[in-house]
Amino acid sequence: MRENNLLILIILLSLFYDCKGQDDKKVIKTIVNQDSSTCFVKQNLLQKNNDTEFKFDDYKSELINNEETYNLSINSKKYLTNLTLESSEINFWNYKCDNKNVILIEADDYYGSTFFAYLMDNDNLYSLGEFVIEQLDVEKKGPQKKDFKIYLEGYNVKIVTYLNGKNNSTNIFNKRNRIALINNSTKNPKSITGEWKVNCEDARSLDIDSDKEIFLVVQGNQIAVNMIKLEKSTSDEFFYRLDKKPLNMGSGGNALPWETYLNNNEIAKIKVLNDNQIEFTWLGFYNDKTKEREVTDCEFTINSGENPVILTKCK
């Protein structure tokens, strides 16, 4: 009788540990299979012509030569990208999620590629930034297949790169710079008077009462100048020189050699893109003695990280 009870106890313990082991395996399997998902799907490239035209299922893009740089046309809408592409081969990559596309423009130079990343949200195009994929051992291993996974994490865009299916790098972009549309109707533009900002929520603005004379805050509490339009200005491009030495300045402004800056060299340029957007370029003060530019950053370029910078008409 005691032997039978011992046998029953052994069987029950065996069943208990088998079930526990199965439960443990289920937990491990669940953890292994967890993975963040992405809705961005790679689109098929249907046609490529001369490294300038790229046709996908949902759009057609074209690089437009603009002397030393390239602008980008997407479905016949032209964007002022000002891309510098010095490469033996140009490739386009397109990843789509609902009404958003992440576009990667690759400048392939054999030992490595530079990628320019853009986000297309409806008809608005944003520059995200750029990243590099190096293949320094290409002569030994040959070129490796490149691929990407795109994730939208709140405001951030994460681009994970792969070489031959292996994780290569992760690039996170937390800024978006809106690219201006090129409007062909800017040959006879409206007046550029108004309040212009990087975005209309910004405190900083370029207030233009007349295109003949502009007041600009170059550095807050330090330098603010009046600028006069030069005669070489055209109907859609305006050049400005320094009018006179500023009256009220901080210690930094007072230390500058203003007498050498009072000449006919332009210090700023405005290019009209369309009725609601201009391209503002700050060149800096031209020193007649040293023949060099000085104070080559202003508040717009410092805070946007770009020069030229696109300004939108807010009032």
C-alpha atoms as a PDB file:
ATOM      1  CA  MET A   1       0.000   0.000   0.000  1.00  0.00           C
ATOM      2  CA  ARG A   2       2.848   2.377   0.914  1.00  0.00           C
ATOM      3  CA  GLU A   3       4.537   1.548  -2.442  1.00  0.00           C
ATOM      4  CA  ASN A   4       1.327   2.431  -4.352  1.00  0.00           C
ATOM      5  CA  ASN A   5       1.063   5.794  -2.531  1.00  0.00           C
ATOM      6  CA  LEU A   6       4.718   6.556  -3.341  1.00  0.00           C
ATOM      7  CA  LEU A   7       4.145   5.731  -7.013  1.00  0.00           C
ATOM      8  CA  ILE A   8       1.085   8.063  -7.180  1.00  0.00           C
ATOM      9  CA  LEU A   9       3.122  10.870  -5.555  1.00  0.00           C
ATOM     10  CA  ILE A  10       5.935  10.491  -8.109  1.00  0.00           C
ATOM     11  CA  ILE A  11       3.436  10.654 -11.028  1.00  0.00           C
ATOM     12  CA  LEU A  12       1.761  13.804  -9.631  1.00  0.00           C
ATOM     13  CA  LEU A  13       5.116  15.577  -9.143  1.00  0.00           C
ATOM     14  CA  SER A  14       6.143  14.657 -12.693  1.00  0.00           C
ATOM     15  CA  LEU A  15       2.926  16.135 -14.136  1.00  0.00           C
ATOM     16  CA  PHE A  16       3.348  19.335 -12.065  1.00  0.00           C
ATOM     17  CA  TYR A  17       6.880  20.028 -13.324  1.00  0.00           C
ATOM     18  CA  ASP A  18       5.944  19.225 -16.955  1.00  0.00           C
ATOM     19  CA  CYS A  19       3.131  21.826 -16.833  1.00  0.00           C
ATOM     20  CA  LYS A  20       5.396  24.377 -15.172  1.00  0.00           C
ATOM     21  CA  GLY A  21       8.041  23.800 -17.837  1.00  0.00           C
ATOM     22  CA  GLN A  22       5.457  24.342 -20.599  1.00  0.00           C
ATOM     23  CA  ASP A  23       4.359  27.610 -18.966  1.00  0.00           C
ATOM     24  CA  ASP A  24       7.980  28.747 -18.749  1.00  0.00           C
ATOM     25  CA  LYS A  25       8.498  28.023 -22.444  1.00  0.00           C
ATOM     26  CA  LYS A  26       5.414  30.083 -23.349  1.00  0.00           C
ATOM     27  CA  VAL A  27       6.733  33.093 -21.410  1.00  0.00           C
ATOM     28  CA  ILE A  28      10.135  32.903 -23.100  1.00  0.00           C
ATOM     29  CA  LYS A  29       8.549  32.608 -26.538  1.00  0.00           C
ATOM     30  CA  THR A  30       6.427  35.712 -25.945  1.00  0.00           C
ATOM     31  CA  ILE A  31       9.468  37.797 -24.985  1.00  0.00           C
ATOM     32  CA  VAL A  32      11.480  36.655 -27.992  1.00  0.00           C
ATOM     33  CA  ASN A  33       8.713  37.547 -30.453  1.00  0.00           C
ATOM     34  CA  GLN A  34       8.172  41.075 -29.126  1.00  0.00           C
ATOM     35  CA  ASP A  35       9.240  43.702 -31.685  1.00  0.00           C
ATOM     36  CA  SER A  36       8.351  47.294 -32.474  1.00  0.00           C
ATOM     37  CA  SER A  37       6.333  47.518 -35.680  1.00  0.00           C
ATOM     38  CA  THR A  38       6.417  50.033 -38.504  1.00  0.00           C
ATOM     39  CA  CYS A  39       3.723  50.937 -40.998  1.00  0.00           C
ATOM     40  CA  PHE A  40       6.224  52.258 -43.567  1.00  0.00           C
ATOM     41  CA  VAL A  41       6.423  49.955 -46.584  1.00  0.00           C
ATOM     42  CA  LYS A  42       9.096  50.124 -49.260  1.00  0.00           C
ATOM     43  CA  GLN A  43       7.666  51.176 -52.641  1.00  0.00           C
ATOM     44  CA  ASN A  44       8.789  49.593 -55.880  1.00  0.00           C
ATOM     45  CA  LEU A  45      10.932  51.665 -58.233  1.00  0.00           C
ATOM     46  CA  LEU A  46       9.247  51.231 -61.613  1.00  0.00           C
ATOM     47  CA  GLN A  47      11.513  53.352 -63.785  1.00  0.00           C
ATOM     48  CA  LYS A  48      14.797  55.275 -63.591  1.00  0.00           C
ATOM     49  CA  ASN A  49      16.079  57.648 -66.275  1.00  0.00           C
ATOM     50  CA  ASN A  50      19.563  59.216 -66.340  1.00  0.00           C
ATOM     51  CA  ASP A  51      19.875  59.446 -62.540  1.00  0.00           C
ATOM     52  CA  THR A  52      17.393  62.346 -62.608  1.00  0.00           C
ATOM     53  CA  GLU A  53      13.901  60.808 -63.041  1.00  0.00           C
ATOM     54  CA  PHE A  54      12.490  58.173 -60.680  1.00  0.00           C
ATOM     55  CA  LYS A  55       8.996  56.726 -60.999  1.00  0.00           C
ATOM     56  CA  PHE A  56       7.253  54.820 -58.176  1.00  0.00           C
ATOM     57  CA  ASP A  57       3.712  53.482 -57.788  1.00  0.00           C
ATOM     58  CA  ASP A  58       2.420  56.598 -56.054  1.00  0.00           C
ATOM     59  CA  TYR A  59       4.598  59.408 -57.374  1.00  0.00           C
ATOM     60  CA  LYS A  60       7.131  60.559 -59.918  1.00  0.00           C
ATOM     61  CA  SER A  61      10.179  62.545 -58.805  1.00  0.00           C
ATOM     62  CA  GLU A  62      12.743  64.469 -60.797  1.00  0.00           C
ATOM     63  CA  LEU A  63      15.985  66.246 -59.936  1.00  0.00           C
ATOM     64  CA  ILE A  64      16.073  69.689 -61.562  1.00  0.00           C
ATOM     65  CA  ASN A  65      19.513  71.100 -62.284  1.00  0.00           C
ATOM     66  CA  ASN A  66      19.905  74.610 -60.862  1.00  0.00           C
ATOM     67  CA  GLU A  67      23.514  75.412 -61.847  1.00  0.00           C
ATOM     68  CA  GLU A  68      25.542  73.979 -58.923  1.00  0.00           C
ATOM     69  CA  THR A  69      22.618  72.487 -56.965  1.00  0.00           C
ATOM     70  CA  TYR A  70      19.448  70.484 -57.581  1.00  0.00           C
ATOM     71  CA  ASN A  71      15.832  71.173 -56.729  1.00  0.00           C
ATOM     72  CA  LEU A  72      13.282  68.386 -56.433  1.00  0.00           C
ATOM     73  CA  SER A  73      10.060  67.912 -58.365  1.00  0.00           C
ATOM     74  CA  ILE A  74       7.462  65.518 -56.937  1.00  0.00           C
ATOM     75  CA  ASN A  75       4.347  64.903 -59.006  1.00  0.00           C
ATOM     76  CA  SER A  76       5.037  68.135 -60.941  1.00  0.00           C
ATOM     77  CA  LYS A  77       5.339  70.264 -57.778  1.00  0.00           C
ATOM     78  CA  LYS A  78       8.759  71.861 -57.480  1.00  0.00           C
ATOM     79  CA  TYR A  79      10.533  72.209 -54.123  1.00  0.00           C
ATOM     80  CA  LEU A  80      13.537  74.401 -53.301  1.00  0.00           C
ATOM     81  CA  THR A  81      15.882  71.700 -51.918  1.00  0.00           C
ATOM     82  CA  ASN A  82      19.202  73.220 -53.108  1.00  0.00           C
ATOM     83  CA  LEU A  83      20.827  69.775 -52.996  1.00  0.00           C
ATOM     84  CA  THR A  84      24.519  69.389 -53.771  1.00  0.00           C
ATOM     85  CA  LEU A  85      25.004  65.991 -55.417  1.00  0.00           C
ATOM     86  CA  GLU A  86      28.549  65.143 -56.465  1.00  0.00           C
ATOM     87  CA  SER A  87      28.350  61.419 -57.062  1.00  0.00           C
ATOM     88  CA  SER A  88      28.817  58.819 -59.763  1.00  0.00           C
ATOM     89  CA  GLU A  89      25.325  57.382 -59.154  1.00  0.00           C
ATOM     90  CA  ILE A  90      22.086  58.740 -57.700  1.00  0.00           C
ATOM     91  CA  ASN A  91      19.378  56.476 -56.241  1.00  0.00           C
ATOM     92  CA  PHE A  92      15.963  57.114 -54.714  1.00  0.00           C
ATOM     93  CA  TRP A  93      14.266  55.115 -51.932  1.00  0.00           C
ATOM     94  CA  ASN A  94      10.603  55.592 -51.071  1.00  0.00           C
ATOM     95  CA  TYR A  95       8.817  54.282 -47.945  1.00  0.00           C
ATOM     96  CA  LYS A  96       5.094  54.950 -47.571  1.00  0.00           C
ATOM     97  CA  CYS A  97       2.706  54.943 -44.586  1.00  0.00           C
ATOM     98  CA  ASP A  98      -0.821  56.271 -45.145  1.00  0.00           C
ATOM     99  CA  ASN A  99      -0.431  59.870 -46.404  1.00  0.00           C
ATOM    100  CA  LYS A 100       3.257  60.096 -45.449  1.00  0.00           C
ATOM    101  CA  ASN A 101       6.353  59.194 -47.463  1.00  0.00           C
ATOM    102  CA  VAL A 102       9.959  59.060 -46.296  1.00  0.00           C
ATOM    103  CA  ILE A 103      12.169  59.735 -49.309  1.00  0.00           C
ATOM    104  CA  LEU A 104      15.873  58.899 -49.259  1.00  0.00           C
ATOM    105  CA  ILE A 105      18.099  60.354 -51.975  1.00  0.00           C
ATOM    106  CA  GLU A 106      21.356  58.425 -52.189  1.00  0.00           C
ATOM    107  CA  ALA A 107      24.604  59.831 -53.564  1.00  0.00           C
ATOM    108  CA  ASP A 108      26.583  56.611 -54.088  1.00  0.00           C
ATOM    109  CA  ASP A 109      30.380  56.917 -54.236  1.00  0.00           C
ATOM    110  CA  TYR A 110      31.466  53.235 -54.197  1.00  0.00           C
ATOM    111  CA  TYR A 111      33.189  53.299 -50.776  1.00  0.00           C
ATOM    112  CA  GLY A 112      30.159  54.874 -49.162  1.00  0.00           C
ATOM    113  CA  SER A 113      26.887  56.654 -49.707  1.00  0.00           C
ATOM    114  CA  THR A 114      25.414  59.885 -48.378  1.00  0.00           C
ATOM    115  CA  PHE A 115      21.644  59.812 -47.879  1.00  0.00           C
ATOM    116  CA  PHE A 116      19.470  62.939 -47.794  1.00  0.00           C
ATOM    117  CA  ALA A 117      16.267  62.184 -45.870  1.00  0.00           C
ATOM    118  CA  TYR A 118      12.923  63.899 -46.508  1.00  0.00           C
ATOM    119  CA  LEU A 119       9.440  63.506 -45.092  1.00  0.00           C
ATOM    120  CA  MET A 120       6.496  64.129 -47.418  1.00  0.00           C
ATOM    121  CA  ASP A 121       3.311  64.771 -45.395  1.00  0.00           C
ATOM    122  CA  ASN A 122       0.448  65.298 -47.858  1.00  0.00           C
ATOM    123  CA  ASP A 123       1.926  67.996 -50.147  1.00  0.00           C
ATOM    124  CA  ASN A 124       4.329  69.395 -47.533  1.00  0.00           C
ATOM    125  CA  LEU A 125       7.979  68.413 -47.899  1.00  0.00           C
ATOM    126  CA  TYR A 126      10.347  68.522 -44.901  1.00  0.00           C
ATOM    127  CA  SER A 127      14.096  68.020 -44.796  1.00  0.00           C
ATOM    128  CA  LEU A 128      15.067  65.658 -41.949  1.00  0.00           C
ATOM    129  CA  GLY A 129      18.833  65.673 -42.402  1.00  0.00           C
ATOM    130  CA  GLU A 130      21.459  63.346 -43.807  1.00  0.00           C
ATOM    131  CA  PHE A 131      23.429  60.254 -42.838  1.00  0.00           C
ATOM    132  CA  VAL A 132      26.263  58.146 -44.278  1.00  0.00           C
ATOM    133  CA  ILE A 133      26.653  54.415 -44.914  1.00  0.00           C
ATOM    134  CA  GLU A 134      30.289  53.400 -45.396  1.00  0.00           C
ATOM    135  CA  GLN A 135      31.514  50.282 -47.219  1.00  0.00           C
ATOM    136  CA  LEU A 136      35.277  50.652 -46.849  1.00  0.00           C
ATOM    137  CA  ASP A 137      35.912  46.938 -47.529  1.00  0.00           C
ATOM    138  CA  VAL A 138      33.909  46.917 -50.771  1.00  0.00           C
ATOM    139  CA  GLU A 139      36.935  45.768 -52.812  1.00  0.00           C
ATOM    140  CA  LYS A 140      37.220  42.602 -50.698  1.00  0.00           C
ATOM    141  CA  LYS A 141      33.567  41.827 -50.017  1.00  0.00           C
ATOM    142  CA  GLY A 142      31.925  43.566 -52.942  1.00  0.00           C
ATOM    143  CA  PRO A 143      29.003  45.993 -52.570  1.00  0.00           C
ATOM    144  CA  GLN A 144      26.516  44.982 -49.880  1.00  0.00           C
ATOM    145  CA  LYS A 145      22.753  45.223 -50.287  1.00  0.00           C
ATOM    146  CA  LYS A 146      21.296  48.239 -48.490  1.00  0.00           C
ATOM    147  CA  ASP A 147      17.878  48.270 -46.845  1.00  0.00           C
ATOM    148  CA  PHE A 148      16.009  50.369 -44.300  1.00  0.00           C
ATOM    149  CA  LYS A 149      13.268  50.317 -41.686  1.00  0.00           C
ATOM    150  CA  ILE A 150      11.436  53.554 -40.961  1.00  0.00           C
ATOM    151  CA  TYR A 151       9.723  54.323 -37.642  1.00  0.00           C
ATOM    152  CA  LEU A 152       7.623  57.333 -36.679  1.00  0.00           C
ATOM    153  CA  GLU A 153       8.044  57.811 -32.918  1.00  0.00           C
ATOM    154  CA  GLY A 154       5.965  60.820 -31.974  1.00  0.00           C
ATOM    155  CA  TYR A 155       7.630  63.777 -33.690  1.00  0.00           C
ATOM    156  CA  ASN A 156      10.882  61.855 -34.284  1.00  0.00           C
ATOM    157  CA  VAL A 157      11.664  59.865 -37.415  1.00  0.00           C
ATOM    158  CA  LYS A 158      13.955  56.859 -36.855  1.00  0.00           C
ATOM    159  CA  ILE A 159      15.772  55.286 -39.809  1.00  0.00           C
ATOM    160  CA  VAL A 160      17.509  51.947 -39.187  1.00  0.00           C
ATOM    161  CA  THR A 161      19.977  50.889 -41.889  1.00  0.00           C
ATOM    162  CA  TYR A 162      20.906  47.322 -42.892  1.00  0.00           C
ATOM    163  CA  LEU A 163      23.740  45.853 -44.965  1.00  0.00           C
ATOM    164  CA  ASN A 164      23.126  42.359 -46.332  1.00  0.00           C
ATOM    165  CA  GLY A 165      20.283  41.999 -43.821  1.00  0.00           C
ATOM    166  CA  LYS A 166      22.422  42.903 -40.792  1.00  0.00           C
ATOM    167  CA  ASN A 167      21.768  45.936 -38.627  1.00  0.00           C
ATOM    168  CA  ASN A 168      24.254  48.668 -39.547  1.00  0.00           C
ATOM    169  CA  SER A 169      23.194  51.927 -37.862  1.00  0.00           C
ATOM    170  CA  THR A 170      20.280  53.838 -36.320  1.00  0.00           C
ATOM    171  CA  ASN A 171      19.612  57.482 -37.199  1.00  0.00           C
ATOM    172  CA  ILE A 172      17.061  59.540 -35.246  1.00  0.00           C
ATOM    173  CA  PHE A 173      15.880  62.862 -36.680  1.00  0.00           C
ATOM    174  CA  ASN A 174      14.130  65.245 -34.271  1.00  0.00           C
ATOM    175  CA  LYS A 175      13.946  68.317 -36.513  1.00  0.00           C
ATOM    176  CA  ARG A 176      11.923  69.077 -39.629  1.00  0.00           C
ATOM    177  CA  ASN A 177      12.759  71.972 -41.912  1.00  0.00           C
ATOM    178  CA  ARG A 178       9.941  72.765 -44.298  1.00  0.00           C
ATOM    179  CA  ILE A 179      10.989  73.043 -47.950  1.00  0.00           C
ATOM    180  CA  ALA A 180       9.450  75.899 -49.911  1.00  0.00           C
ATOM    181  CA  LEU A 181       7.446  75.353 -53.062  1.00  0.00           C
ATOM    182  CA  ILE A 182       8.799  77.066 -56.167  1.00  0.00           C
ATOM    183  CA  ASN A 183       5.975  79.057 -57.686  1.00  0.00           C
ATOM    184  CA  ASN A 184       6.390  79.940 -61.350  1.00  0.00           C
ATOM    185  CA  SER A 185       4.212  83.011 -60.856  1.00  0.00           C
ATOM    186  CA  THR A 186       6.912  84.896 -58.922  1.00  0.00           C
ATOM    187  CA  LYS A 187       8.051  86.862 -61.984  1.00  0.00           C
ATOM    188  CA  ASN A 188       5.667  89.675 -60.978  1.00  0.00           C
ATOM    189  CA  PRO A 189       5.358  89.151 -57.216  1.00  0.00           C
ATOM    190  CA  LYS A 190       3.338  91.119 -54.722  1.00  0.00           C
ATOM    191  CA  SER A 191       5.116  93.429 -52.305  1.00  0.00           C
ATOM    192  CA  ILE A 192       7.325  91.732 -49.695  1.00  0.00           C
ATOM    193  CA  THR A 193       5.963  93.972 -46.956  1.00  0.00           C
ATOM    194  CA  GLY A 194       4.673  92.133 -43.919  1.00  0.00           C
ATOM    195  CA  GLU A 195       5.798  90.058 -40.946  1.00  0.00           C
ATOM    196  CA  TRP A 196       7.997  87.089 -41.888  1.00  0.00           C
ATOM    197  CA  LYS A 197       8.991  84.215 -39.584  1.00  0.00           C
ATOM    198  CA  VAL A 198      10.541  80.729 -39.679  1.00  0.00           C
ATOM    199  CA  ASN A 199       7.182  79.599 -38.320  1.00  0.00           C
ATOM    200  CA  CYS A 200       4.336  81.833 -37.209  1.00  0.00           C
ATOM    201  CA  GLU A 201       4.599  80.747 -33.535  1.00  0.00           C
ATOM    202  CA  ASP A 202       8.146  82.170 -33.334  1.00  0.00           C
ATOM    203  CA  ALA A 203       8.833  85.388 -31.445  1.00  0.00           C
ATOM    204  CA  ARG A 204      11.539  86.411 -33.944  1.00  0.00           C
ATOM    205  CA  SER A 205      10.328  88.138 -37.085  1.00  0.00           C
ATOM    206  CA  LEU A 206      11.526  90.151 -40.051  1.00  0.00           C
ATOM    207  CA  ASP A 207       9.163  93.128 -40.238  1.00  0.00           C
ATOM    208  CA  ILE A 208       9.185  94.778 -43.653  1.00  0.00           C
ATOM    209  CA  ASP A 209       7.274  98.057 -44.031  1.00  0.00           C
ATOM    210  CA  SER A 210       8.899  98.859 -47.367  1.00  0.00           C
ATOM    211  CA  ASP A 211      11.149  96.804 -49.629  1.00  0.00           C
ATOM    212  CA  LYS A 212      13.425  99.864 -49.960  1.00  0.00           C
ATOM    213  CA  GLU A 213      14.507  99.846 -46.318  1.00  0.00           C
ATOM    214  CA  ILE A 214      14.514  96.965 -43.795  1.00  0.00           C
ATOM    215  CA  PHE A 215      15.207  96.871 -40.054  1.00  0.00           C
ATOM    216  CA  LEU A 216      16.869  93.638 -38.869  1.00  0.00           C
ATOM    217  CA  VAL A 217      17.842  92.380 -35.418  1.00  0.00           C
ATOM    218  CA  VAL A 218      21.144  90.633 -36.097  1.00  0.00           C
ATOM    219  CA  GLN A 219      21.905  89.677 -32.479  1.00  0.00           C
ATOM    220  CA  GLY A 220      19.412  90.279 -29.682  1.00  0.00           C
ATOM    221  CA  ASN A 221      20.325  93.176 -27.333  1.00  0.00           C
ATOM    222  CA  GLN A 222      23.589  93.636 -29.257  1.00  0.00           C
ATOM    223  CA  ILE A 223      23.159  94.524 -32.945  1.00  0.00           C
ATOM    224  CA  ALA A 224      20.167  95.834 -34.890  1.00  0.00           C
ATOM    225  CA  VAL A 225      20.668  97.479 -38.281  1.00  0.00           C
ATOM    226  CA  ASN A 226      18.873  99.409 -41.003  1.00  0.00           C
ATOM    227  CA  MET A 227      19.455  98.081 -44.509  1.00  0.00           C
ATOM    228  CA  ILE A 228      18.957  99.882 -47.849  1.00  0.00           C
ATOM    229  CA  LYS A 229      17.983  98.141 -51.107  1.00  0.00           C
ATOM    230  CA  LEU A 230      20.676  98.143 -53.804  1.00  0.00           C
ATOM    231  CA  GLU A 231      19.944  99.134 -57.405  1.00  0.00           C
ATOM    232  CA  LYS A 232      20.911  95.710 -58.754  1.00  0.00           C
ATOM    233  CA  SER A 233      17.798  94.236 -57.109  1.00  0.00           C
ATOM    234  CA  THR A 234      15.239  92.674 -59.458  1.00  0.00           C
ATOM    235  CA  SER A 235      11.492  92.018 -59.282  1.00  0.00           C
ATOM    236  CA  ASP A 236      11.980  88.809 -57.313  1.00  0.00           C
ATOM    237  CA  GLU A 237      15.455  89.170 -55.772  1.00  0.00           C
ATOM    238  CA  PHE A 238      16.434  91.996 -53.408  1.00  0.00           C
ATOM    239  CA  PHE A 239      19.948  92.924 -52.222  1.00  0.00           C
ATOM    240  CA  TYR A 240      20.612  95.095 -49.166  1.00  0.00           C
ATOM    241  CA  ARG A 241      23.574  97.045 -47.812  1.00  0.00           C
ATOM    242  CA  LEU A 242      24.209  98.578 -44.407  1.00  0.00           C
ATOM    243  CA  ASP A 243      22.624 102.049 -44.155  1.00  0.00           C
ATOM    244  CA  LYS A 244      24.485 103.581 -41.195  1.00  0.00           C
ATOM    245  CA  LYS A 245      26.134 102.749 -37.901  1.00  0.00           C
ATOM    246  CA  PRO A 246      23.514 101.584 -35.363  1.00  0.00           C
ATOM    247  CA  LEU A 247      22.785 104.018 -32.542  1.00  0.00           C
ATOM    248  CA  ASN A 248      21.873 101.649 -29.706  1.00  0.00           C
ATOM    249  CA  MET A 249      24.080  98.570 -29.241  1.00  0.00           C
ATOM    250  CA  GLY A 250      25.369  96.246 -26.558  1.00  0.00           C
ATOM    251  CA  SER A 251      29.057  95.856 -25.705  1.00  0.00           C
ATOM    252  CA  GLY A 252      29.520  93.296 -28.488  1.00  0.00           C
ATOM    253  CA  GLY A 253      28.125  95.643 -31.113  1.00  0.00           C
ATOM    254  CA  ASN A 254      30.113  98.634 -29.879  1.00  0.00           C
ATOM    255  CA  ALA A 255      33.370  96.710 -30.313  1.00  0.00           C
ATOM    256  CA  LEU A 256      32.865  96.218 -34.074  1.00  0.00           C
ATOM    257  CA  PRO A 257      34.698  98.379 -36.678  1.00  0.00           C
ATOM    258  CA  TRP A 258      31.559  99.963 -38.170  1.00  0.00           C
ATOM    259  CA  GLU A 259      33.439 102.451 -40.358  1.00  0.00           C
ATOM    260  CA  THR A 260      34.827  99.542 -42.405  1.00  0.00           C
ATOM    261  CA  TYR A 261      31.313  98.091 -42.877  1.00  0.00           C
ATOM    262  CA  LEU A 262      29.808 101.234 -44.455  1.00  0.00           C
ATOM    263  CA  ASN A 263      30.198 100.377 -48.144  1.00  0.00           C
ATOM    264  CA  ASN A 264      28.066  99.252 -51.087  1.00  0.00           C
ATOM    265  CA  ASN A 265      28.545  95.507 -50.591  1.00  0.00           C
ATOM    266  CA  GLU A 266      25.352  93.621 -49.853  1.00  0.00           C
ATOM    267  CA  ILE A 267      24.958  92.138 -46.383  1.00  0.00           C
ATOM    268  CA  ALA A 268      21.606  90.381 -46.945  1.00  0.00           C
ATOM    269  CA  LYS A 269      19.546  88.987 -49.802  1.00  0.00           C
ATOM    270  CA  ILE A 270      15.850  88.187 -50.158  1.00  0.00           C
ATOM    271  CA  LYS A 271      14.524  85.929 -52.903  1.00  0.00           C
ATOM    272  CA  VAL A 272      10.763  85.745 -53.463  1.00  0.00           C
ATOM    273  CA  LEU A 273       9.602  82.115 -53.771  1.00  0.00           C
ATOM    274  CA  ASN A 274       5.850  82.730 -53.855  1.00  0.00           C
ATOM    275  CA  ASP A 275       3.279  85.061 -52.334  1.00  0.00           C
ATOM    276  CA  ASN A 276       3.734  83.546 -48.860  1.00  0.00           C
ATOM    277  CA  GLN A 277       7.389  82.506 -48.707  1.00  0.00           C
ATOM    278  CA  ILE A 278      10.772  84.176 -49.140  1.00  0.00           C
ATOM    279  CA  GLU A 279      14.330  82.896 -48.938  1.00  0.00           C
ATOM    280  CA  PHE A 280      16.409  85.103 -46.633  1.00  0.00           C
ATOM    281  CA  THR A 281      20.217  84.962 -46.846  1.00  0.00           C
ATOM    282  CA  TRP A 282      22.420  86.716 -44.285  1.00  0.00           C
ATOM    283  CA  LEU A 283      25.887  87.332 -45.761  1.00  0.00           C
ATOM    284  CA  GLY A 284      27.454  89.301 -42.905  1.00  0.00           C
ATOM    285  CA  PHE A 285      29.172  92.688 -42.841  1.00  0.00           C
ATOM    286  CA  TYR A 286      31.855  93.241 -45.482  1.00  0.00           C
ATOM    287  CA  ASN A 287      35.061  94.693 -44.035  1.00  0.00           C
ATOM    288  CA  ASP A 288      36.650  97.070 -46.564  1.00  0.00           C
ATOM    289  CA  LYS A 289      40.104  96.741 -44.989  1.00  0.00           C
ATOM    290  CA  THR A 290      40.369  92.976 -44.547  1.00  0.00           C
ATOM    291  CA  LYS A 291      38.163  92.153 -47.591  1.00  0.00           C
ATOM    292  CA  GLU A 292      36.395  89.543 -45.469  1.00  0.00           C
ATOM    293  CA  ARG A 293      32.886  88.954 -44.149  1.00  0.00           C
ATOM    294  CA  GLU A 294      32.314  89.384 -40.418  1.00  0.00           C
ATOM    295  CA  VAL A 295      29.349  88.562 -38.134  1.00  0.00           C
ATOM    296  CA  THR A 296      28.188  85.907 -40.595  1.00  0.00           C
ATOM    297  CA  ASP A 297      25.354  84.635 -38.375  1.00  0.00           C
ATOM    298  CA  CYS A 298      22.133  86.374 -37.427  1.00  0.00           C
ATOM    299  CA  GLU A 299      19.282  85.291 -35.141  1.00  0.00           C
ATOM    300  CA  PHE A 300      17.395  83.539 -37.971  1.00  0.00           C
ATOM    301  CA  THR A 301      20.382  81.446 -39.089  1.00  0.00           C
ATOM    302  CA  ILE A 302      21.525  80.625 -35.546  1.00  0.00           C
ATOM    303  CA  ASN A 303      18.109  79.371 -34.415  1.00  0.00           C
ATOM    304  CA  SER A 304      17.166  77.543 -37.620  1.00  0.00           C
ATOM    305  CA  GLY A 305      20.645  76.142 -38.297  1.00  0.00           C
ATOM    306  CA  GLU A 306      20.253  77.144 -41.948  1.00  0.00           C
ATOM    307  CA  ASN A 307      21.513  79.936 -44.183  1.00  0.00           C
ATOM    308  CA  PRO A 308      19.627  80.739 -46.356  1.00  0.00           C
ATOM    309  CA  VAL A 309      16.468  80.239 -44.319  1.00  0.00           C
ATOM    310  CA  ILE A 310      12.871  80.019 -45.580  1.00  0.00           C
ATOM    311  CA  LEU A 311      10.541  82.593 -44.000  1.00  0.00           C
ATOM    312  CA  THR A 312       6.748  82.432 -44.098  1.00  0.00           C
ATOM    313  CA  LYS A 313       4.468  85.464 -44.236  1.00  0.00           C
ATOM    314  CA  CYS A 314       2.459  85.549 -40.989  1.00  0.00           C
ATOM    315  CA  LYS A 315       0.825  89.007 -41.239  1.00  0.00           C
END
